[in-house]
Amino acid sequence: MENKLKRLHQPISLVASAAVGGKKEGEGPFGKNFDYIDPSGSFGKEKWEQSEAEAQALALNFALHKAKWKPEDLGAMVAGDLINQCTSSGYGLLQFDAPFLGIFGACSTSAEGLLLSALLLDSGHFEKISVVSSSHFCSAERQFRSPVEYGGQRPPTAQWTVTGAGAFLLERGCGGKVLINEVLPGTVRNAGIDDPNNMGAAMAPAALDTLLAYFRESGKKPSDFDLVLTGDLGNEGSKILLELGKESGLNLEGRHNDCGLMIYDRNTQDVHSGGSGCGCAATVLSSFILPEMEKKNLKDILFVATGALLSADSVKQGLTIPAVAHLVHLTGNNA
């Protein structure tokens, strides 16, 4: 069987990133680190889907400004969101004159985008690529659950979809402060969970599968890393991952954290099991993790974003929820 772990022929640099969010994200632990917070969550638009599209455009513009790049410098834009047919990505990036590659990985979209972009850059066919990943609480609720006006009750295992977008700029070589040296695409797993309000339980086995594959093929162990960062398992899924890990001989205690647990303050913000959505891992990575790596407070991390691959129709049909987790190994340049 072919190894899942892909070691790049040359380092790929994360040159710049940006994060934008809504009111709840601004009130969270990393709110002050976001490049822009819109308290209304509308981003100046009348429809929630249009708001999410505008969030993508804002995030990418902020990142381009930081890197002093122009849209035409991009060989490709890789982007995804939760809305059917990646609507927010297609509309949001319409203003940028660069080739567009739309992807869907649910909450794993940010890691999938980084993984695919790193491989494309490593192929030699591209010099510079952007990755954008977004979600919006109101647009996601309308598509997957009930319109927010309905006021439906949420069980404790439910997670709060992040209103936000994260953008990343990648290029070949060692020009950035954070490098990607290896990636591992995940395999879809189905744990038999059919509750769309308990996606953490559905995604935890996929996260474990990817991590077990990485440690088996790399020969490394969790203690070799400053952080094993998943997203977005939330409180429920994180507990399950740690328990399943112990049963499989993988001890993640003291090394693991989850973007869904980090994006909000669960003691003061009513988000139940934590955050979720394509914008969750993306904004945590941009607003906190990458800056910490640039400061050399974090030097070596595994970024493992997880996605529950359900749809509104699959839920109505009572199907169980498949999930996937993609891994990106991030290191500080000259760490």
Foldseek 3Di string as FASTA:
>chain_A
DDAQKDFFPAKKAFAFKAKEFEQQLLQFPLNVLHPYYHPVLQCPHDDNLQSFLQQQLVGVVVRCVVNVHALVLAQEEEEAFDDPPRSSPCNSCVVRPYHYDYDDAKQQQQLVQVQVVSVVQSVVPTFKYKYKWFYGQQRCCVWANNHVVVVDDADLQAFGETGMMMMTMMGTDDPHQKIFGMKGWWDKDFPQALDPRRVLCGWLVQLLRRVVSCCVVVVDALVVFQAEEEPDNFQVNVVVNQVVCVVVVHHCPPHYDYLQPRSHPVVPDVGRRGYGTNSRLRNCCNRPVVVCSSVVVGFKYKYKYKRWPDGNVCSVVRHTTIMHIIITIMGGRVD
